[in-house]
Amino acid sequence: MRKSALIVIDMINTYEHADAELLLPSVSKILPAIVQLLERARAREVPVIYVNDNFGEWRSHHGELLETALSGPHADLVEPIRPDEESLFVVKARHSIFFETPLSYLLSQLEIDHVILCGQVTEQCVLYSALDAHIRHLHVTVAEDSVAHIHADLADAALRMMRRNMGAEITAGDSIEFAADRG
């Protein structure tokens, strides 16, 4: 039987980067679905792992990243989905959640073989992370109502690629059955 983890990608964010103005409307739209997904995962004791860019701050840790985002102009997009005491946190520097991070090791230690991806950006970090999960023989689910995009057409193409090329399950967050995943 599968064992799942919910992966929250790059949602601890200051939105002080190129394309942020194009991204913000999509983030606002998906935020309630991510909140619901987090609540459901936590209620079922599914591990929640935040994997987040380090904003180029090589001395930062997750607490500093969270503080920076919460003190920024878009704290309202971070506060509802902030990590709780049980959440795990992995800092990344590139697009994929796996690239030179300890995530693979963490997932193996937790005996996770199914990752549920949410966050941003669909046509970038989510796509590359889904590919890297696939080549690691992990089952991938993308909560399509819980991923934000910069360009809607590219996001739609990315979701089709994940489904077709990686065998990812693309579904609404509220249809994901965490309980069946517990082993």
C-alpha atoms as a PDB file:
ATOM      1  CA  MET A   1       0.000   0.000   0.000  1.00  0.00           C
ATOM      2  CA  ARG A   2       1.240   3.496  -0.826  1.00  0.00           C
ATOM      3  CA  LYS A   3       2.476   5.958   1.751  1.00  0.00           C
ATOM      4  CA  SER A   4       2.075   9.614   0.797  1.00  0.00           C
ATOM      5  CA  ALA A   5       3.608  12.953   1.612  1.00  0.00           C
ATOM      6  CA  LEU A   6       2.200  16.345   0.707  1.00  0.00           C
ATOM      7  CA  ILE A   7       4.920  18.550  -0.806  1.00  0.00           C
ATOM      8  CA  VAL A   8       4.334  22.324  -0.709  1.00  0.00           C
ATOM      9  CA  ILE A   9       6.583  23.969  -3.289  1.00  0.00           C
ATOM     10  CA  ASP A  10       7.845  27.565  -2.958  1.00  0.00           C
ATOM     11  CA  MET A  11       4.812  28.960  -1.150  1.00  0.00           C
ATOM     12  CA  ILE A  12       6.918  30.694   1.498  1.00  0.00           C
ATOM     13  CA  ASN A  13       7.557  33.630  -0.776  1.00  0.00           C
ATOM     14  CA  THR A  14       8.092  37.389  -0.718  1.00  0.00           C
ATOM     15  CA  TYR A  15       6.938  37.772  -4.341  1.00  0.00           C
ATOM     16  CA  GLU A  16       9.786  40.216  -4.975  1.00  0.00           C
ATOM     17  CA  HIS A  17      10.966  38.558  -8.189  1.00  0.00           C
ATOM     18  CA  ALA A  18      10.517  38.709 -11.941  1.00  0.00           C
ATOM     19  CA  ASP A  19       7.035  37.660 -13.067  1.00  0.00           C
ATOM     20  CA  ALA A  20       5.592  38.082  -9.552  1.00  0.00           C
ATOM     21  CA  GLU A  21       2.837  40.383 -10.814  1.00  0.00           C
ATOM     22  CA  LEU A  22       1.778  37.691 -13.296  1.00  0.00           C
ATOM     23  CA  LEU A  23       1.934  35.000 -10.595  1.00  0.00           C
ATOM     24  CA  LEU A  24       0.070  36.773  -7.768  1.00  0.00           C
ATOM     25  CA  PRO A  25      -3.483  36.437  -9.178  1.00  0.00           C
ATOM     26  CA  SER A  26      -3.023  32.695  -9.625  1.00  0.00           C
ATOM     27  CA  VAL A  27      -1.599  32.305  -6.107  1.00  0.00           C
ATOM     28  CA  SER A  28      -4.576  34.175  -4.645  1.00  0.00           C
ATOM     29  CA  LYS A  29      -6.931  31.889  -6.542  1.00  0.00           C
ATOM     30  CA  ILE A  30      -5.355  28.598  -5.389  1.00  0.00           C
ATOM     31  CA  LEU A  31      -4.699  29.579  -1.783  1.00  0.00           C
ATOM     32  CA  PRO A  32      -8.020  28.265  -0.381  1.00  0.00           C
ATOM     33  CA  ALA A  33      -7.466  24.886  -2.071  1.00  0.00           C
ATOM     34  CA  ILE A  34      -3.965  24.602  -0.574  1.00  0.00           C
ATOM     35  CA  VAL A  35      -5.319  25.489   2.872  1.00  0.00           C
ATOM     36  CA  GLN A  36      -7.918  22.728   2.529  1.00  0.00           C
ATOM     37  CA  LEU A  37      -5.312  20.248   1.264  1.00  0.00           C
ATOM     38  CA  LEU A  38      -3.040  21.036   4.211  1.00  0.00           C
ATOM     39  CA  GLU A  39      -5.907  20.633   6.688  1.00  0.00           C
ATOM     40  CA  ARG A  40      -6.886  17.274   5.207  1.00  0.00           C
ATOM     41  CA  ALA A  41      -3.297  15.979   5.135  1.00  0.00           C
ATOM     42  CA  ARG A  42      -2.617  17.065   8.705  1.00  0.00           C
ATOM     43  CA  ALA A  43      -5.895  15.569   9.958  1.00  0.00           C
ATOM     44  CA  ARG A  44      -4.817  12.219   8.474  1.00  0.00           C
ATOM     45  CA  GLU A  45      -1.245  12.522   9.797  1.00  0.00           C
ATOM     46  CA  VAL A  46       0.199  12.588   6.285  1.00  0.00           C
ATOM     47  CA  PRO A  47       3.695  14.129   6.367  1.00  0.00           C
ATOM     48  CA  VAL A  48       3.748  17.705   5.064  1.00  0.00           C
ATOM     49  CA  ILE A  49       7.061  18.790   3.592  1.00  0.00           C
ATOM     50  CA  TYR A  50       7.690  22.358   2.518  1.00  0.00           C
ATOM     51  CA  VAL A  51      10.395  22.634  -0.125  1.00  0.00           C
ATOM     52  CA  ASN A  52      11.296  26.237  -0.717  1.00  0.00           C
ATOM     53  CA  ASP A  53      13.746  28.463  -2.508  1.00  0.00           C
ATOM     54  CA  ASN A  54      16.312  30.112  -0.296  1.00  0.00           C
ATOM     55  CA  PHE A  55      15.873  33.544  -1.991  1.00  0.00           C
ATOM     56  CA  GLY A  56      19.624  33.464  -2.676  1.00  0.00           C
ATOM     57  CA  GLU A  57      20.299  33.807   1.054  1.00  0.00           C
ATOM     58  CA  TRP A  58      22.843  31.065   1.639  1.00  0.00           C
ATOM     59  CA  ARG A  59      22.930  31.607   5.397  1.00  0.00           C
ATOM     60  CA  SER A  60      19.163  31.402   5.845  1.00  0.00           C
ATOM     61  CA  HIS A  61      17.233  28.598   7.437  1.00  0.00           C
ATOM     62  CA  HIS A  62      13.519  27.908   7.193  1.00  0.00           C
ATOM     63  CA  GLY A  63      12.629  30.131  10.160  1.00  0.00           C
ATOM     64  CA  GLU A  64      14.349  33.117   8.600  1.00  0.00           C
ATOM     65  CA  LEU A  65      12.716  32.452   5.238  1.00  0.00           C
ATOM     66  CA  LEU A  66       9.300  32.331   6.906  1.00  0.00           C
ATOM     67  CA  GLU A  67       9.948  35.507   8.908  1.00  0.00           C
ATOM     68  CA  THR A  68      11.064  37.337   5.766  1.00  0.00           C
ATOM     69  CA  ALA A  69       7.967  36.266   3.846  1.00  0.00           C
ATOM     70  CA  LEU A  70       5.630  37.106   6.746  1.00  0.00           C
ATOM     71  CA  SER A  71       7.128  40.575   7.087  1.00  0.00           C
ATOM     72  CA  GLY A  72       6.761  41.286   3.373  1.00  0.00           C
ATOM     73  CA  PRO A  73       3.967  42.935   1.416  1.00  0.00           C
ATOM     74  CA  HIS A  74       2.264  39.609   0.596  1.00  0.00           C
ATOM     75  CA  ALA A  75       2.159  38.051   4.057  1.00  0.00           C
ATOM     76  CA  ASP A  76      -1.553  37.415   3.490  1.00  0.00           C
ATOM     77  CA  LEU A  77      -0.550  34.742   0.941  1.00  0.00           C
ATOM     78  CA  VAL A  78       1.862  33.067   3.364  1.00  0.00           C
ATOM     79  CA  GLU A  79       0.117  33.202   6.736  1.00  0.00           C
ATOM     80  CA  PRO A  80      -2.751  30.784   5.866  1.00  0.00           C
ATOM     81  CA  ILE A  81      -0.330  28.074   4.709  1.00  0.00           C
ATOM     82  CA  ARG A  82       2.550  28.575   7.119  1.00  0.00           C
ATOM     83  CA  PRO A  83       4.262  25.420   8.398  1.00  0.00           C
ATOM     84  CA  ASP A  84       3.045  24.034  11.709  1.00  0.00           C
ATOM     85  CA  GLU A  85       5.167  22.327  14.382  1.00  0.00           C
ATOM     86  CA  GLU A  86       4.929  18.944  12.621  1.00  0.00           C
ATOM     87  CA  SER A  87       5.864  20.206   9.164  1.00  0.00           C
ATOM     88  CA  LEU A  88       9.192  19.299   7.644  1.00  0.00           C
ATOM     89  CA  PHE A  89      11.206  21.823   5.630  1.00  0.00           C
ATOM     90  CA  VAL A  90      13.804  21.436   2.882  1.00  0.00           C
ATOM     91  CA  VAL A  91      15.606  24.422   1.382  1.00  0.00           C
ATOM     92  CA  LYS A  92      16.379  24.340  -2.343  1.00  0.00           C
ATOM     93  CA  ALA A  93      18.276  26.623  -4.666  1.00  0.00           C
ATOM     94  CA  ARG A  94      17.055  25.535  -8.109  1.00  0.00           C
ATOM     95  CA  HIS A  95      13.778  24.578  -9.782  1.00  0.00           C
ATOM     96  CA  SER A  96      13.472  20.919  -8.802  1.00  0.00           C
ATOM     97  CA  ILE A  97      12.676  19.990  -5.208  1.00  0.00           C
ATOM     98  CA  PHE A  98      15.191  17.150  -5.592  1.00  0.00           C
ATOM     99  CA  PHE A  99      18.163  18.943  -7.168  1.00  0.00           C
ATOM    100  CA  GLU A 100      20.996  18.809  -4.621  1.00  0.00           C
ATOM    101  CA  THR A 101      18.602  18.648  -1.653  1.00  0.00           C
ATOM    102  CA  PRO A 102      18.190  15.908   0.962  1.00  0.00           C
ATOM    103  CA  LEU A 103      14.570  15.303  -0.107  1.00  0.00           C
ATOM    104  CA  SER A 104      15.180  11.864  -1.657  1.00  0.00           C
ATOM    105  CA  TYR A 105      16.837  10.692   1.537  1.00  0.00           C
ATOM    106  CA  LEU A 106      14.058  12.163   3.693  1.00  0.00           C
ATOM    107  CA  LEU A 107      11.367  10.431   1.621  1.00  0.00           C
ATOM    108  CA  SER A 108      13.203   7.115   1.850  1.00  0.00           C
ATOM    109  CA  GLN A 109      13.543   7.473   5.630  1.00  0.00           C
ATOM    110  CA  LEU A 110       9.792   8.111   5.886  1.00  0.00           C
ATOM    111  CA  GLU A 111       9.148   5.201   3.470  1.00  0.00           C
ATOM    112  CA  ILE A 112       7.231   7.540   1.161  1.00  0.00           C
ATOM    113  CA  ASP A 113       6.551   6.299  -2.355  1.00  0.00           C
ATOM    114  CA  HIS A 114       3.810   8.767  -3.335  1.00  0.00           C
ATOM    115  CA  VAL A 115       4.262  12.533  -3.498  1.00  0.00           C
ATOM    116  CA  ILE A 116       1.372  14.938  -3.778  1.00  0.00           C
ATOM    117  CA  LEU A 117       2.561  18.224  -5.233  1.00  0.00           C
ATOM    118  CA  CYS A 118       1.058  21.660  -4.696  1.00  0.00           C
ATOM    119  CA  GLY A 119       2.460  25.176  -4.835  1.00  0.00           C
ATOM    120  CA  GLN A 120       4.162  27.191  -7.515  1.00  0.00           C
ATOM    121  CA  VAL A 121       5.010  27.528 -10.396  1.00  0.00           C
ATOM    122  CA  THR A 122       3.171  24.864 -12.416  1.00  0.00           C
ATOM    123  CA  GLU A 123       5.159  25.328 -15.610  1.00  0.00           C
ATOM    124  CA  GLN A 124       8.484  25.551 -13.796  1.00  0.00           C
ATOM    125  CA  CYS A 125       9.231  24.110 -10.344  1.00  0.00           C
ATOM    126  CA  VAL A 126       6.187  21.833 -10.197  1.00  0.00           C
ATOM    127  CA  LEU A 127       6.896  20.393 -13.656  1.00  0.00           C
ATOM    128  CA  TYR A 128      10.606  19.806 -13.000  1.00  0.00           C
ATOM    129  CA  SER A 129       9.874  18.341  -9.568  1.00  0.00           C
ATOM    130  CA  ALA A 130       7.283  15.957 -11.010  1.00  0.00           C
ATOM    131  CA  LEU A 131       9.821  14.772 -13.583  1.00  0.00           C
ATOM    132  CA  ASP A 132      12.478  14.232 -10.929  1.00  0.00           C
ATOM    133  CA  ALA A 133       9.992  12.348  -8.733  1.00  0.00           C
ATOM    134  CA  HIS A 134       9.024  10.177 -11.706  1.00  0.00           C
ATOM    135  CA  ILE A 135      12.622   9.225 -12.494  1.00  0.00           C
ATOM    136  CA  ARG A 136      13.016   8.271  -8.828  1.00  0.00           C
ATOM    137  CA  HIS A 137      10.127   5.814  -9.270  1.00  0.00           C
ATOM    138  CA  LEU A 138       7.775   7.760  -7.015  1.00  0.00           C
ATOM    139  CA  HIS A 139       4.070   7.904  -7.754  1.00  0.00           C
ATOM    140  CA  VAL A 140       3.169  11.534  -8.467  1.00  0.00           C
ATOM    141  CA  THR A 141      -0.122  13.308  -7.902  1.00  0.00           C
ATOM    142  CA  VAL A 142      -0.548  16.975  -8.743  1.00  0.00           C
ATOM    143  CA  ALA A 143      -3.429  18.790  -7.084  1.00  0.00           C
ATOM    144  CA  GLU A 144      -4.361  20.834 -10.147  1.00  0.00           C
ATOM    145  CA  ASP A 145      -6.449  23.337  -8.181  1.00  0.00           C
ATOM    146  CA  SER A 146      -3.521  23.870  -5.810  1.00  0.00           C
ATOM    147  CA  VAL A 147      -0.777  24.866  -8.253  1.00  0.00           C
ATOM    148  CA  ALA A 148      -0.217  28.442  -9.390  1.00  0.00           C
ATOM    149  CA  HIS A 149       1.043  29.570 -12.756  1.00  0.00           C
ATOM    150  CA  ILE A 150       2.614  32.547 -14.469  1.00  0.00           C
ATOM    151  CA  HIS A 151       1.347  31.645 -17.931  1.00  0.00           C
ATOM    152  CA  ALA A 152      -1.937  29.704 -18.078  1.00  0.00           C
ATOM    153  CA  ASP A 153      -1.230  28.158 -21.481  1.00  0.00           C
ATOM    154  CA  LEU A 154       2.154  26.832 -20.368  1.00  0.00           C
ATOM    155  CA  ALA A 155       0.662  25.554 -17.120  1.00  0.00           C
ATOM    156  CA  ASP A 156      -1.995  23.631 -19.036  1.00  0.00           C
ATOM    157  CA  ALA A 157       0.697  22.153 -21.276  1.00  0.00           C
ATOM    158  CA  ALA A 158       2.827  21.265 -18.226  1.00  0.00           C
ATOM    159  CA  LEU A 159      -0.089  19.444 -16.580  1.00  0.00           C
ATOM    160  CA  ARG A 160      -0.706  17.503 -19.808  1.00  0.00           C
ATOM    161  CA  MET A 161       3.002  16.603 -19.985  1.00  0.00           C
ATOM    162  CA  MET A 162       3.011  15.410 -16.376  1.00  0.00           C
ATOM    163  CA  ARG A 163      -0.020  13.215 -17.033  1.00  0.00           C
ATOM    164  CA  ARG A 164       1.155  11.833 -20.349  1.00  0.00           C
ATOM    165  CA  ASN A 165       4.935  11.626 -19.996  1.00  0.00           C
ATOM    166  CA  MET A 166       5.279  10.948 -16.283  1.00  0.00           C
ATOM    167  CA  GLY A 167       2.085   9.062 -15.528  1.00  0.00           C
ATOM    168  CA  ALA A 168       1.199  11.666 -12.918  1.00  0.00           C
ATOM    169  CA  GLU A 169      -2.311  11.727 -11.561  1.00  0.00           C
ATOM    170  CA  ILE A 170      -3.692  15.214 -12.141  1.00  0.00           C
ATOM    171  CA  THR A 171      -6.717  15.771  -9.937  1.00  0.00           C
ATOM    172  CA  ALA A 172      -8.507  18.218  -7.673  1.00  0.00           C
ATOM    173  CA  GLY A 173      -7.129  18.365  -4.158  1.00  0.00           C
ATOM    174  CA  ASP A 174     -10.436  17.433  -2.556  1.00  0.00           C
ATOM    175  CA  SER A 175     -10.507  14.146  -4.467  1.00  0.00           C
ATOM    176  CA  ILE A 176      -7.161  12.960  -3.094  1.00  0.00           C
ATOM    177  CA  GLU A 177      -7.707  10.108  -0.651  1.00  0.00           C
ATOM    178  CA  PHE A 178      -4.954  10.289   1.938  1.00  0.00           C
ATOM    179  CA  ALA A 179      -6.417   7.556   4.179  1.00  0.00           C
ATOM    180  CA  ALA A 180      -6.008   4.901   1.477  1.00  0.00           C
ATOM    181  CA  ASP A 181      -2.346   5.870   1.227  1.00  0.00           C
ATOM    182  CA  ARG A 182      -1.465   4.975   4.822  1.00  0.00           C
ATOM    183  CA  GLY A 183       0.433   1.745   5.049  1.00  0.00           C
END
